N, C-alpha and C. Protein backbone atom coordinates (compact mmCIF):
# COMPACT_ATOMS: atom_id res chain seq x y z
N MET A 1 6.25 8.86 12.89
CA MET A 1 5.31 7.26 13.30
C MET A 1 4.15 7.40 14.19
N ASP A 2 3.70 8.63 14.34
CA ASP A 2 2.44 8.59 15.36
C ASP A 2 1.43 7.76 14.47
N PHE A 3 1.38 8.17 13.18
CA PHE A 3 0.19 7.54 12.74
C PHE A 3 0.10 6.09 12.54
N LEU A 4 1.39 5.48 12.42
CA LEU A 4 1.60 4.27 12.87
C LEU A 4 1.10 3.71 13.67
N ASN A 5 1.24 4.49 14.96
CA ASN A 5 0.70 4.35 16.51
C ASN A 5 -0.26 4.15 16.80
N GLU A 6 -0.90 5.17 16.33
CA GLU A 6 -2.65 5.53 16.37
C GLU A 6 -3.45 4.15 15.89
N LEU A 7 -2.81 3.32 14.69
CA LEU A 7 -3.67 2.35 14.24
C LEU A 7 -3.32 1.56 14.72
N LEU A 8 -1.91 0.84 15.03
CA LEU A 8 -1.73 -0.17 15.77
C LEU A 8 -2.79 -0.25 17.26
N ILE A 9 -3.40 1.34 17.69
CA ILE A 9 -3.30 1.04 18.92
C ILE A 9 -5.25 0.67 18.51
N GLN A 10 -5.58 1.31 17.65
CA GLN A 10 -6.80 0.76 17.07
C GLN A 10 -6.91 -0.69 16.94
N LEU A 11 -5.98 -1.33 16.25
CA LEU A 11 -5.95 -2.76 15.95
C LEU A 11 -6.32 -3.38 17.39
N LEU A 12 -5.17 -2.82 18.14
CA LEU A 12 -5.46 -4.03 19.63
C LEU A 12 -6.92 -3.72 20.07
N PHE A 13 -7.58 -2.17 20.06
CA PHE A 13 -8.71 -2.23 20.36
C PHE A 13 -9.91 -2.97 19.73
N ILE A 14 -9.33 -3.46 18.44
CA ILE A 14 -10.45 -4.03 17.60
C ILE A 14 -10.22 -5.70 18.24
N LEU A 15 -8.90 -6.07 18.29
CA LEU A 15 -8.46 -7.67 18.81
C LEU A 15 -9.25 -7.69 19.85
N ILE A 16 -9.15 -6.70 21.18
CA ILE A 16 -9.47 -7.10 22.32
C ILE A 16 -10.86 -7.13 22.35
N THR A 17 -11.57 -6.42 21.87
CA THR A 17 -12.76 -6.45 22.30
C THR A 17 -13.46 -7.85 21.55
N TRP A 18 -12.92 -8.29 20.17
CA TRP A 18 -13.14 -9.81 19.58
C TRP A 18 -12.97 -10.45 20.65
N LEU A 19 -12.08 -10.47 21.63
CA LEU A 19 -11.46 -11.59 22.56
C LEU A 19 -12.29 -11.79 23.73
N LEU A 20 -12.75 -10.29 24.30
CA LEU A 20 -13.81 -10.56 25.63
C LEU A 20 -14.79 -10.76 24.75
N MET A 21 -15.47 -10.89 23.73
CA MET A 21 -16.58 -11.20 23.37
C MET A 21 -16.93 -12.68 23.15
N ASN A 22 -15.71 -13.14 22.98
CA ASN A 22 -15.46 -14.75 22.39
C ASN A 22 -15.47 -15.23 23.95
N SER A 23 -14.57 -14.63 24.83
CA SER A 23 -14.85 -15.37 26.27
C SER A 23 -15.94 -15.03 26.84
N PHE A 24 -16.82 -13.93 26.65
CA PHE A 24 -18.01 -13.77 27.36
C PHE A 24 -18.91 -15.23 26.64
N SER A 25 -18.96 -15.05 25.32
CA SER A 25 -19.82 -15.84 24.57
C SER A 25 -19.50 -17.28 25.26
N VAL A 26 -17.99 -17.83 25.20
CA VAL A 26 -18.00 -19.00 26.10
C VAL A 26 -18.43 -19.25 27.63
N ILE A 27 -18.71 -18.43 28.39
CA ILE A 27 -18.98 -18.37 29.74
C ILE A 27 -20.16 -18.33 29.90
N LYS A 28 -20.97 -17.69 29.18
CA LYS A 28 -22.34 -17.26 29.26
C LYS A 28 -23.01 -18.28 28.46
N PHE A 29 -22.74 -18.69 27.31
CA PHE A 29 -23.82 -19.36 26.32
C PHE A 29 -22.96 -20.62 25.67
N LYS A 30 -21.48 -21.02 26.76
CA LYS A 30 -20.67 -22.46 26.58
C LYS A 30 -20.48 -22.73 25.06
N SER A 31 -20.42 -21.65 24.46
CA SER A 31 -20.05 -21.26 22.66
C SER A 31 -19.19 -20.47 22.08
N ILE A 32 -18.47 -20.75 20.98
CA ILE A 32 -17.77 -19.68 20.62
C ILE A 32 -18.31 -19.24 19.37
N ASP A 33 -19.26 -19.70 19.09
CA ASP A 33 -19.82 -19.46 17.56
C ASP A 33 -20.44 -18.21 17.13
N ILE A 34 -19.71 -16.87 17.68
CA ILE A 34 -20.33 -15.57 17.30
C ILE A 34 -20.58 -15.12 16.15
N LEU A 35 -19.81 -15.67 15.20
CA LEU A 35 -20.28 -15.38 13.67
C LEU A 35 -21.34 -15.57 13.31
N ASN A 36 -22.35 -16.59 13.65
CA ASN A 36 -23.46 -17.01 13.09
C ASN A 36 -24.49 -16.18 14.22
N ASN A 37 -24.03 -15.15 15.17
CA ASN A 37 -25.11 -14.31 15.98
C ASN A 37 -24.93 -13.04 15.07
N LYS A 38 -25.92 -12.60 14.36
CA LYS A 38 -25.71 -11.16 13.26
C LYS A 38 -26.15 -9.99 14.49
N ILE A 39 -26.69 -10.36 15.65
CA ILE A 39 -27.12 -9.09 16.39
C ILE A 39 -25.62 -8.89 17.20
N VAL A 40 -24.63 -9.99 17.80
CA VAL A 40 -23.49 -9.54 18.53
C VAL A 40 -22.74 -9.09 17.37
N ILE A 41 -22.54 -9.75 16.14
CA ILE A 41 -21.70 -9.12 15.28
C ILE A 41 -21.93 -7.83 15.07
N CYS A 42 -23.39 -7.24 14.58
CA CYS A 42 -23.82 -5.72 14.54
C CYS A 42 -23.58 -4.94 15.57
N LEU A 43 -23.78 -5.31 17.15
CA LEU A 43 -23.21 -4.53 18.29
C LEU A 43 -21.64 -4.46 18.36
N LEU A 44 -21.13 -5.84 18.38
CA LEU A 44 -20.11 -5.50 18.51
C LEU A 44 -18.94 -4.40 17.28
N ALA A 45 -19.22 -4.64 15.71
CA ALA A 45 -19.22 -3.57 14.82
C ALA A 45 -18.87 -2.10 15.09
N SER A 46 -20.35 -2.10 15.86
CA SER A 46 -20.59 -1.07 15.94
C SER A 46 -19.91 0.14 17.02
N LEU A 47 -19.38 -1.23 18.10
CA LEU A 47 -18.40 -0.66 19.27
C LEU A 47 -17.31 0.06 18.72
N GLN A 48 -16.82 -1.30 17.66
CA GLN A 48 -15.16 -1.17 17.16
C GLN A 48 -15.22 0.35 16.15
N ILE A 49 -16.40 0.43 15.40
CA ILE A 49 -16.68 1.78 14.57
C ILE A 49 -16.28 2.69 14.82
N ILE A 50 -17.22 3.46 16.55
CA ILE A 50 -16.88 4.21 17.12
C ILE A 50 -15.79 4.18 18.04
N GLY A 51 -15.23 3.27 18.01
CA GLY A 51 -13.87 3.18 18.99
C GLY A 51 -12.69 4.10 17.81
N CYS A 52 -12.77 3.56 16.70
CA CYS A 52 -11.87 3.64 15.76
C CYS A 52 -12.04 5.32 15.37
N ILE A 53 -13.04 5.42 14.85
CA ILE A 53 -13.51 6.91 14.70
C ILE A 53 -12.97 8.00 15.92
N VAL A 54 -13.16 7.66 17.09
CA VAL A 54 -13.08 8.19 18.21
C VAL A 54 -11.52 8.36 18.16
N MET A 55 -10.63 7.55 17.88
CA MET A 55 -9.17 7.52 18.00
C MET A 55 -8.83 7.86 16.45
N ALA A 56 -9.42 8.35 15.19
CA ALA A 56 -8.83 8.69 14.39
C ALA A 56 -7.59 9.85 14.36
N TYR A 57 -6.75 9.47 13.39
CA TYR A 57 -5.43 10.41 13.27
C TYR A 57 -5.86 11.47 12.03
N PRO A 58 -5.58 12.71 12.61
CA PRO A 58 -5.96 13.75 11.46
C PRO A 58 -4.56 14.02 10.58
N VAL A 59 -4.51 13.52 9.62
CA VAL A 59 -3.38 13.49 8.49
C VAL A 59 -3.26 14.73 7.90
N TYR A 60 -4.62 15.42 7.90
CA TYR A 60 -4.54 16.79 7.06
C TYR A 60 -5.94 17.35 7.74
N PRO A 61 -6.09 18.70 7.61
CA PRO A 61 -7.18 19.27 8.41
C PRO A 61 -8.53 18.81 7.62
N GLY A 62 -9.33 18.35 8.47
CA GLY A 62 -10.28 17.97 7.77
C GLY A 62 -10.44 16.37 7.36
N PHE A 63 -9.49 15.63 7.22
CA PHE A 63 -9.03 14.00 7.07
C PHE A 63 -8.61 13.61 7.99
N TYR A 64 -9.46 12.76 8.84
CA TYR A 64 -9.12 11.31 9.59
C TYR A 64 -9.39 10.12 9.17
N TYR A 65 -8.18 9.43 9.92
CA TYR A 65 -7.76 8.30 9.35
C TYR A 65 -7.69 7.10 9.95
N ASP A 66 -8.35 6.42 10.02
CA ASP A 66 -8.40 4.91 11.16
C ASP A 66 -8.99 3.93 10.60
N LEU A 67 -9.37 2.66 11.10
CA LEU A 67 -9.67 1.14 10.64
C LEU A 67 -10.60 0.92 10.86
N ARG A 68 -11.73 2.18 10.90
CA ARG A 68 -13.03 1.98 10.75
C ARG A 68 -13.61 0.93 9.85
N PHE A 69 -12.99 0.87 8.69
CA PHE A 69 -13.42 -0.38 7.39
C PHE A 69 -12.92 -1.60 8.14
N LEU A 70 -12.36 -1.74 8.94
CA LEU A 70 -12.32 -3.15 9.46
C LEU A 70 -13.51 -3.98 9.65
N PRO A 71 -13.80 -3.89 10.94
CA PRO A 71 -15.18 -3.39 11.45
C PRO A 71 -16.45 -3.99 10.48
N PHE A 72 -16.54 -2.82 9.81
CA PHE A 72 -17.56 -2.74 8.59
C PHE A 72 -17.15 -3.88 7.62
N LEU A 73 -16.55 -4.31 7.44
CA LEU A 73 -15.98 -5.41 6.53
C LEU A 73 -16.11 -6.43 6.72
N ILE A 74 -15.87 -6.48 8.06
CA ILE A 74 -16.25 -7.97 9.03
C ILE A 74 -17.49 -8.39 9.05
N GLY A 75 -18.39 -7.05 9.39
CA GLY A 75 -19.58 -7.50 9.88
C GLY A 75 -20.60 -7.32 8.78
N SER A 76 -20.09 -6.69 7.52
CA SER A 76 -20.71 -7.37 6.52
C SER A 76 -20.66 -8.57 5.75
N VAL A 77 -19.66 -9.09 5.77
CA VAL A 77 -19.17 -10.46 5.47
C VAL A 77 -20.13 -11.76 6.10
N TYR A 78 -20.06 -11.70 7.38
CA TYR A 78 -20.55 -12.41 8.14
C TYR A 78 -22.04 -11.97 8.67
N GLY A 79 -22.29 -10.53 9.00
CA GLY A 79 -23.83 -10.03 9.32
C GLY A 79 -24.80 -10.23 8.23
N GLY A 80 -24.37 -9.49 6.56
CA GLY A 80 -25.33 -9.83 5.92
C GLY A 80 -25.93 -8.28 5.44
N ARG A 81 -26.83 -8.11 4.56
CA ARG A 81 -27.20 -7.27 4.06
C ARG A 81 -27.90 -5.90 4.81
N LEU A 82 -28.31 -6.78 6.04
CA LEU A 82 -29.28 -5.69 6.91
C LEU A 82 -28.12 -4.90 7.37
N VAL A 83 -27.15 -5.81 8.33
CA VAL A 83 -26.27 -5.15 9.35
C VAL A 83 -25.12 -4.71 7.97
N THR A 84 -25.03 -4.58 7.10
CA THR A 84 -24.57 -3.79 6.48
C THR A 84 -24.65 -2.42 5.83
N ILE A 85 -26.14 -2.41 5.86
CA ILE A 85 -26.57 -1.18 5.70
C ILE A 85 -26.83 -0.13 7.12
N TYR A 86 -26.52 -0.83 8.14
CA TYR A 86 -26.88 -0.32 9.43
C TYR A 86 -25.21 0.36 9.60
N LEU A 87 -24.30 -0.59 9.51
CA LEU A 87 -22.85 -0.18 9.52
C LEU A 87 -22.36 1.01 8.91
N ALA A 88 -23.35 0.76 7.36
CA ALA A 88 -22.72 1.95 6.72
C ALA A 88 -23.16 3.54 6.92
N LEU A 89 -24.53 3.15 7.60
CA LEU A 89 -25.37 4.80 8.14
C LEU A 89 -24.32 4.86 9.88
N LEU A 90 -24.19 4.10 10.07
CA LEU A 90 -23.55 4.38 11.49
C LEU A 90 -21.92 4.92 11.16
N VAL A 91 -21.15 4.45 10.16
CA VAL A 91 -19.97 5.07 9.88
C VAL A 91 -20.49 6.85 9.44
N ILE A 92 -21.10 6.83 8.69
CA ILE A 92 -21.57 8.30 7.97
C ILE A 92 -21.97 9.11 8.79
N ILE A 93 -23.09 8.62 10.17
CA ILE A 93 -23.80 9.57 10.80
C ILE A 93 -22.61 9.51 12.02
N THR A 94 -21.42 8.84 12.32
CA THR A 94 -20.39 9.30 13.50
C THR A 94 -19.71 9.95 12.83
N ARG A 95 -19.28 10.14 11.59
CA ARG A 95 -18.30 10.87 10.87
C ARG A 95 -18.57 12.31 10.81
N ILE A 96 -20.04 12.63 10.59
CA ILE A 96 -20.29 13.82 10.25
C ILE A 96 -20.17 14.76 11.27
N PRO A 97 -20.11 14.76 12.59
CA PRO A 97 -20.00 15.96 13.87
C PRO A 97 -18.23 16.35 13.83
N TYR A 98 -17.60 15.35 12.92
CA TYR A 98 -15.74 15.78 12.87
C TYR A 98 -15.78 16.88 11.77
N GLY A 99 -16.86 17.19 10.96
CA GLY A 99 -16.86 18.13 9.98
C GLY A 99 -15.62 17.95 8.75
N GLY A 100 -15.36 18.73 8.04
CA GLY A 100 -14.59 19.16 7.08
C GLY A 100 -15.24 18.20 5.88
N PRO A 101 -13.64 18.67 4.82
CA PRO A 101 -14.02 18.16 3.33
C PRO A 101 -13.85 16.65 3.27
N GLY A 102 -13.21 16.30 4.05
CA GLY A 102 -12.88 14.89 3.98
C GLY A 102 -14.25 13.85 4.64
N ILE A 103 -15.19 14.39 5.04
CA ILE A 103 -16.56 13.98 4.80
C ILE A 103 -17.19 13.09 3.32
N TRP A 104 -16.89 13.87 2.57
CA TRP A 104 -17.31 13.41 1.46
C TRP A 104 -16.56 12.39 0.94
N ALA A 105 -15.60 12.22 0.87
CA ALA A 105 -14.72 11.10 0.62
C ALA A 105 -15.23 9.96 1.45
N SER A 106 -15.51 9.83 2.73
CA SER A 106 -15.92 9.08 3.48
C SER A 106 -16.97 8.41 3.34
N VAL A 107 -18.28 9.48 3.14
CA VAL A 107 -19.40 9.06 2.81
C VAL A 107 -19.26 8.80 1.17
N GLY A 108 -18.64 9.15 0.36
CA GLY A 108 -18.74 8.74 -0.90
C GLY A 108 -18.14 7.05 -0.91
N VAL A 109 -17.43 6.92 -0.36
CA VAL A 109 -16.28 5.48 -0.15
C VAL A 109 -17.62 4.49 0.21
N PHE A 110 -17.94 4.61 1.30
CA PHE A 110 -18.58 3.86 2.04
C PHE A 110 -19.72 3.27 1.42
N LEU A 111 -20.78 4.61 0.68
CA LEU A 111 -21.80 4.26 -0.35
C LEU A 111 -21.84 3.30 -1.49
N PHE A 112 -20.05 3.59 -1.96
CA PHE A 112 -19.89 2.87 -3.02
C PHE A 112 -19.56 1.02 -2.15
N PHE A 113 -19.17 1.01 -1.18
CA PHE A 113 -19.06 -0.21 -0.48
C PHE A 113 -20.39 -0.80 -0.21
N LEU A 114 -21.17 0.21 0.05
CA LEU A 114 -22.72 -0.45 0.61
C LEU A 114 -23.40 -1.10 -0.56
N ILE A 115 -23.22 -0.53 -1.66
CA ILE A 115 -23.60 -0.85 -3.12
C ILE A 115 -23.23 -2.16 -3.18
N LEU A 116 -21.68 -2.33 -3.23
CA LEU A 116 -21.12 -3.59 -3.18
C LEU A 116 -21.07 -4.60 -2.42
N PHE A 117 -21.43 -4.61 -0.94
CA PHE A 117 -21.99 -5.56 -0.10
C PHE A 117 -23.42 -6.00 -0.13
N MET A 118 -24.49 -5.21 -0.76
CA MET A 118 -25.64 -5.53 -1.20
C MET A 118 -25.82 -6.88 -2.22
N TYR A 119 -24.58 -7.34 -2.57
CA TYR A 119 -24.45 -8.81 -3.45
C TYR A 119 -23.46 -9.43 -3.18
N ALA A 120 -21.90 -8.85 -2.85
CA ALA A 120 -20.97 -9.50 -2.67
C ALA A 120 -20.70 -10.74 -1.43
N PRO A 121 -21.55 -10.15 -0.07
CA PRO A 121 -21.36 -11.19 1.05
C PRO A 121 -21.62 -12.21 0.82
N ASP A 122 -22.53 -12.87 0.12
CA ASP A 122 -23.16 -14.15 0.05
C ASP A 122 -21.75 -15.03 -0.92
N HIS A 123 -21.38 -14.23 -1.71
CA HIS A 123 -20.60 -15.20 -2.62
C HIS A 123 -19.03 -14.94 -1.88
N ILE A 124 -18.86 -14.37 -0.85
CA ILE A 124 -17.71 -14.63 0.00
C ILE A 124 -17.77 -15.31 0.83
N LEU A 125 -19.06 -15.46 1.05
CA LEU A 125 -19.17 -16.69 2.30
C LEU A 125 -18.93 -18.20 1.67
N LYS A 126 -19.42 -18.15 0.41
CA LYS A 126 -19.19 -19.35 0.00
C LYS A 126 -18.02 -19.90 -0.72
N ALA A 127 -17.44 -19.06 -0.92
CA ALA A 127 -15.86 -18.91 -1.42
C ALA A 127 -14.99 -19.83 -0.56
N LYS A 128 -13.62 -20.64 -1.19
CA LYS A 128 -13.14 -21.41 -0.13
C LYS A 128 -12.48 -20.51 0.89
N ARG A 129 -11.92 -20.79 1.87
CA ARG A 129 -11.18 -20.21 2.96
C ARG A 129 -10.34 -19.27 2.38
N LYS A 130 -9.25 -19.91 1.67
CA LYS A 130 -8.18 -19.20 1.27
C LYS A 130 -8.63 -18.05 0.45
N LYS A 131 -9.79 -18.20 -0.55
CA LYS A 131 -10.12 -17.17 -1.37
C LYS A 131 -10.61 -16.31 -1.17
N ARG A 132 -11.53 -16.61 0.17
CA ARG A 132 -12.08 -15.26 1.04
C ARG A 132 -11.32 -14.49 1.97
N ILE A 133 -10.45 -15.03 2.43
CA ILE A 133 -9.37 -14.37 3.10
C ILE A 133 -8.36 -13.11 2.06
N VAL A 134 -8.29 -13.77 0.83
CA VAL A 134 -7.84 -12.91 -0.57
C VAL A 134 -8.58 -11.82 -0.75
N LEU A 135 -10.00 -12.37 -0.96
CA LEU A 135 -11.03 -11.08 -1.12
C LEU A 135 -11.18 -10.27 -0.06
N VAL A 136 -10.83 -10.43 1.18
CA VAL A 136 -11.40 -9.22 2.28
C VAL A 136 -9.94 -8.46 2.10
N THR A 137 -9.31 -8.89 1.80
CA THR A 137 -7.62 -8.01 1.88
C THR A 137 -7.52 -7.30 0.81
N LEU A 138 -8.30 -7.72 -0.55
CA LEU A 138 -8.06 -6.81 -1.40
C LEU A 138 -9.10 -6.06 -1.63
N MET A 139 -10.12 -6.21 -0.63
CA MET A 139 -11.32 -5.01 -0.30
C MET A 139 -10.47 -4.03 0.61
N ALA A 140 -9.92 -4.65 1.32
CA ALA A 140 -9.41 -3.25 2.24
C ALA A 140 -8.20 -2.59 1.37
N GLY A 141 -7.39 -3.47 0.77
CA GLY A 141 -6.35 -2.55 0.15
C GLY A 141 -6.97 -1.62 -0.97
N LEU A 142 -8.56 -1.88 -1.56
CA LEU A 142 -9.18 -0.85 -2.35
C LEU A 142 -9.75 0.22 -1.65
N TYR A 143 -10.45 -0.07 -0.29
CA TYR A 143 -10.76 0.93 0.64
C TYR A 143 -9.62 1.85 0.73
N SER A 144 -8.48 1.73 1.25
CA SER A 144 -7.00 2.49 1.52
C SER A 144 -7.00 2.88 0.16
N PHE A 145 -6.86 2.66 -0.45
CA PHE A 145 -6.35 3.01 -1.89
C PHE A 145 -7.62 4.56 -2.28
N LEU A 146 -8.77 4.42 -2.71
CA LEU A 146 -9.68 5.31 -2.61
C LEU A 146 -9.79 6.39 -1.86
N VAL A 147 -10.14 6.00 -0.27
CA VAL A 147 -10.17 7.28 0.58
C VAL A 147 -8.77 7.72 0.65
N TYR A 148 -7.81 7.24 0.69
CA TYR A 148 -6.43 8.11 0.96
C TYR A 148 -5.71 8.78 -0.11
N VAL A 149 -5.82 7.91 -1.64
CA VAL A 149 -4.99 8.60 -2.57
C VAL A 149 -6.01 9.85 -3.15
N LEU A 150 -7.36 9.66 -3.48
CA LEU A 150 -8.11 10.37 -4.40
C LEU A 150 -7.96 11.72 -3.63
N PRO A 151 -8.39 12.04 -2.09
CA PRO A 151 -8.67 12.98 -1.35
C PRO A 151 -7.24 13.78 -1.50
N ALA A 152 -5.95 12.98 -1.44
CA ALA A 152 -4.62 13.53 -0.75
C ALA A 152 -4.32 14.20 -2.62
N TYR A 153 -4.28 13.82 -3.30
CA TYR A 153 -4.02 14.25 -4.49
C TYR A 153 -4.97 15.64 -4.90
N LEU A 154 -6.08 15.23 -4.53
CA LEU A 154 -6.92 16.49 -4.76
C LEU A 154 -6.64 17.66 -3.80
N TYR A 155 -6.25 17.29 -2.86
CA TYR A 155 -5.89 18.41 -1.70
C TYR A 155 -4.62 18.78 -1.25
N GLU A 156 -3.65 18.23 -1.93
CA GLU A 156 -2.19 18.01 -2.25
C GLU A 156 -1.72 17.50 -0.92
N PHE A 157 -2.00 16.79 -0.21
CA PHE A 157 -1.65 16.42 1.02
C PHE A 157 -0.93 14.86 1.40
N PHE A 158 -0.37 14.33 -0.22
CA PHE A 158 -0.42 13.37 -0.49
C PHE A 158 1.23 12.61 0.14
N ASP A 159 1.26 11.63 1.09
CA ASP A 159 2.34 11.42 1.64
C ASP A 159 2.45 9.61 1.77
N LEU A 160 3.90 9.39 0.66
CA LEU A 160 4.18 8.24 0.24
C LEU A 160 4.14 6.96 1.80
N ARG A 161 4.90 7.85 2.82
CA ARG A 161 4.93 6.72 3.78
C ARG A 161 3.60 6.60 4.70
N ASP A 162 3.22 7.86 4.92
CA ASP A 162 1.76 7.24 5.16
C ASP A 162 0.94 6.34 4.44
N PHE A 163 0.94 6.83 3.34
CA PHE A 163 -0.20 5.59 2.31
C PHE A 163 0.33 4.26 2.83
N LEU A 164 1.69 3.70 2.41
CA LEU A 164 1.92 2.57 2.35
C LEU A 164 1.73 2.07 3.78
N ILE A 165 1.58 2.93 5.10
CA ILE A 165 1.49 2.36 6.40
C ILE A 165 0.05 2.37 6.50
N TYR A 166 -0.96 3.14 5.80
CA TYR A 166 -2.28 2.81 6.04
C TYR A 166 -2.64 1.87 4.97
N VAL A 167 -2.27 1.52 3.97
CA VAL A 167 -2.86 0.57 2.71
C VAL A 167 -2.18 -1.01 3.45
N GLY A 168 -0.96 -0.69 4.39
CA GLY A 168 -0.17 -1.93 4.99
C GLY A 168 -1.00 -2.53 6.19
N VAL A 169 -1.04 -1.70 7.19
CA VAL A 169 -1.68 -2.18 8.33
C VAL A 169 -3.31 -2.33 7.76
N GLN A 170 -3.89 -1.95 7.12
CA GLN A 170 -5.41 -2.21 6.90
C GLN A 170 -5.03 -3.69 6.42
N SER A 171 -4.16 -3.96 5.06
CA SER A 171 -4.67 -5.20 4.41
C SER A 171 -3.96 -6.40 5.46
N ILE A 172 -2.76 -6.16 6.25
CA ILE A 172 -2.05 -7.03 6.94
C ILE A 172 -3.14 -7.83 8.05
N SER A 173 -3.80 -6.19 8.52
CA SER A 173 -4.86 -6.37 9.69
C SER A 173 -6.08 -7.27 9.31
N ILE A 174 -6.87 -6.96 8.21
CA ILE A 174 -8.11 -7.78 8.18
C ILE A 174 -7.86 -8.95 7.73
N LEU A 175 -6.58 -9.24 7.07
CA LEU A 175 -5.96 -11.10 6.64
C LEU A 175 -5.79 -11.20 8.16
N PHE A 176 -4.94 -11.17 9.09
CA PHE A 176 -4.79 -11.49 10.48
C PHE A 176 -6.38 -11.82 11.11
N ILE A 177 -7.15 -10.70 11.14
CA ILE A 177 -8.55 -10.75 11.85
C ILE A 177 -9.26 -12.01 11.54
N VAL A 178 -9.53 -12.18 10.10
CA VAL A 178 -10.26 -12.81 9.24
C VAL A 178 -10.19 -14.38 9.75
N TYR A 179 -8.63 -14.55 9.29
CA TYR A 179 -7.75 -15.64 9.44
C TYR A 179 -8.39 -16.20 11.10
N PHE A 180 -8.27 -15.48 12.09
CA PHE A 180 -8.27 -15.69 13.30
C PHE A 180 -9.61 -15.93 13.91
N LEU A 181 -10.61 -15.53 13.07
CA LEU A 181 -11.88 -15.60 12.94
C LEU A 181 -12.33 -16.93 12.53
N GLU A 182 -11.80 -17.36 11.33
CA GLU A 182 -12.25 -18.58 10.61
C GLU A 182 -11.49 -19.60 11.96
N LEU A 183 -10.41 -19.54 12.40
CA LEU A 183 -10.03 -20.79 13.25
C LEU A 183 -10.97 -20.69 14.26
N LEU A 184 -11.71 -19.57 14.80
CA LEU A 184 -12.52 -19.99 15.83
C LEU A 184 -14.17 -20.63 15.46
N ARG A 185 -14.11 -20.27 13.90
CA ARG A 185 -15.35 -20.97 13.23
C ARG A 185 -15.20 -22.31 13.47
N ASP A 186 -13.77 -22.91 13.02
CA ASP A 186 -13.04 -24.50 12.89
C ASP A 186 -13.13 -24.94 14.22
N TYR A 187 -12.71 -24.33 15.17
CA TYR A 187 -12.46 -24.93 16.80
C TYR A 187 -14.11 -25.08 17.16
N ASN A 188 -14.76 -24.01 16.85
CA ASN A 188 -16.67 -24.56 17.33
C ASN A 188 -17.06 -25.33 16.82
N ALA A 189 -16.74 -25.55 15.29
CA ALA A 189 -17.15 -26.45 14.85
C ALA A 189 -16.88 -28.18 15.14
N LEU A 190 -15.29 -28.23 15.60
CA LEU A 190 -14.63 -29.25 16.15
C LEU A 190 -15.47 -29.99 17.63
N GLN A 191 -15.68 -28.44 18.55
CA GLN A 191 -16.51 -28.66 19.86
C GLN A 191 -17.67 -29.10 19.53
N GLN A 192 -18.29 -28.42 18.79
CA GLN A 192 -19.74 -28.89 18.79
C GLN A 192 -20.13 -30.34 18.09
N GLU A 193 -18.69 -30.92 17.10
CA GLU A 193 -18.77 -32.80 16.77
C GLU A 193 -18.49 -33.24 18.06
N ALA A 194 -17.49 -32.75 18.81
CA ALA A 194 -16.82 -33.52 20.44
C ALA A 194 -18.33 -33.75 21.10
N ILE A 195 -18.94 -32.76 21.27
CA ILE A 195 -20.43 -32.79 22.19
C ILE A 195 -21.31 -33.88 21.66
N HIS A 196 -21.43 -33.64 20.28
CA HIS A 196 -22.45 -34.52 20.00
C HIS A 196 -21.97 -35.95 20.08
N MET A 197 -20.55 -36.37 19.77
CA MET A 197 -20.25 -37.81 19.88
C MET A 197 -20.36 -37.99 21.07
N GLU A 198 -19.94 -37.47 22.18
CA GLU A 198 -20.23 -37.34 23.65
C GLU A 198 -21.62 -37.84 23.69
N LYS A 199 -22.61 -37.20 23.62
CA LYS A 199 -23.88 -37.37 23.75
C LYS A 199 -24.10 -38.71 23.35
N MET A 200 -23.98 -39.00 21.84
CA MET A 200 -24.11 -40.62 21.38
C MET A 200 -23.40 -41.49 22.18
N GLN A 201 -22.04 -41.29 22.70
CA GLN A 201 -21.49 -42.39 23.50
C GLN A 201 -22.36 -42.72 24.86
N VAL A 202 -23.13 -41.55 25.20
CA VAL A 202 -24.14 -41.93 26.52
C VAL A 202 -24.70 -42.56 26.25
N VAL A 203 -25.78 -42.02 25.31
CA VAL A 203 -26.74 -42.80 24.64
C VAL A 203 -26.62 -44.07 24.69
N SER A 204 -25.67 -44.71 24.03
CA SER A 204 -25.24 -45.82 23.47
C SER A 204 -25.31 -46.83 24.79
N HIS A 205 -24.50 -46.25 25.58
CA HIS A 205 -24.16 -46.66 27.03
C HIS A 205 -25.22 -46.98 27.75
N LEU A 206 -26.02 -46.23 27.84
CA LEU A 206 -27.42 -46.09 28.29
C LEU A 206 -28.23 -47.17 27.38
N ALA A 207 -28.10 -47.31 26.05
CA ALA A 207 -28.85 -48.01 25.32
C ALA A 207 -28.48 -49.41 25.90
N ALA A 208 -27.10 -49.74 26.14
CA ALA A 208 -26.66 -51.19 26.54
C ALA A 208 -26.97 -51.47 27.94
N SER A 209 -27.06 -50.49 28.70
CA SER A 209 -27.48 -51.14 30.28
C SER A 209 -29.09 -51.40 29.85
N ILE A 210 -29.75 -50.74 29.58
CA ILE A 210 -31.20 -50.96 29.77
C ILE A 210 -31.56 -52.69 28.92
N SER A 211 -30.61 -52.58 27.82
CA SER A 211 -31.05 -53.82 27.08
C SER A 211 -30.32 -55.27 28.10
N HIS A 212 -29.44 -54.71 28.95
CA HIS A 212 -28.77 -56.00 29.64
C HIS A 212 -29.73 -56.11 30.75
N GLU A 213 -30.21 -55.11 31.25
CA GLU A 213 -31.27 -54.87 32.26
C GLU A 213 -32.70 -56.11 31.96
N ILE A 214 -32.95 -55.85 31.00
CA ILE A 214 -34.14 -56.50 30.22
C ILE A 214 -33.72 -58.06 30.06
N ARG A 215 -32.87 -57.98 29.48
CA ARG A 215 -32.54 -59.57 29.14
C ARG A 215 -32.44 -60.39 29.98
N ASN A 216 -31.91 -59.76 31.03
CA ASN A 216 -31.04 -60.95 32.39
C ASN A 216 -32.91 -61.54 32.77
N PRO A 217 -34.10 -60.77 33.14
CA PRO A 217 -35.21 -61.17 33.47
C PRO A 217 -35.88 -62.14 32.75
N LEU A 218 -35.51 -61.89 31.40
CA LEU A 218 -36.34 -62.79 30.28
C LEU A 218 -35.72 -64.01 30.13
N THR A 219 -34.22 -63.83 30.20
CA THR A 219 -33.55 -65.12 30.37
C THR A 219 -34.04 -66.23 31.13
């Protein structure tokens, strides 16, 4: 169960960094709309990717498994093409020092998703919420399959329990995180609408007061 514990610790790290960034955004900028800020998404995803790789679990000599794909996926979907390219290069550069044959599996899979996300993010963002959540969950499952099953069979270290843990944690985690981020977007939209309505109400009261003050002398 060490593998599961390590993945859950990484998931906790990802969630905490999102919550801290959200709190900082509310305090500093009076807004929680961090998903529309590509610089914030890029920096946060970078921190999460590096943290996950540092906490990676060695399933087999030269093969390290973690949740690095989750921040890459979120950054690609909400950040756009330039963020996708940067995050893919960051994953590859950060993984290189660990060495081992697993590096080629990681590089190959991330280059595949880099090419995929050069066209996919716009279509995912334009999709309805349920479809968007389903799509990112399927992508997380596809990544888990490619990066674990193919090398595991090639180097003969396949373990069904580890595979199910890896796929399950990644798929459930991305579903939960994206749903959470979508709720934040909705809350921000309601917050902005409430602020707008409040401003309009103030302007309306001010206009009524001015009209009253002008009408009295005229009368």
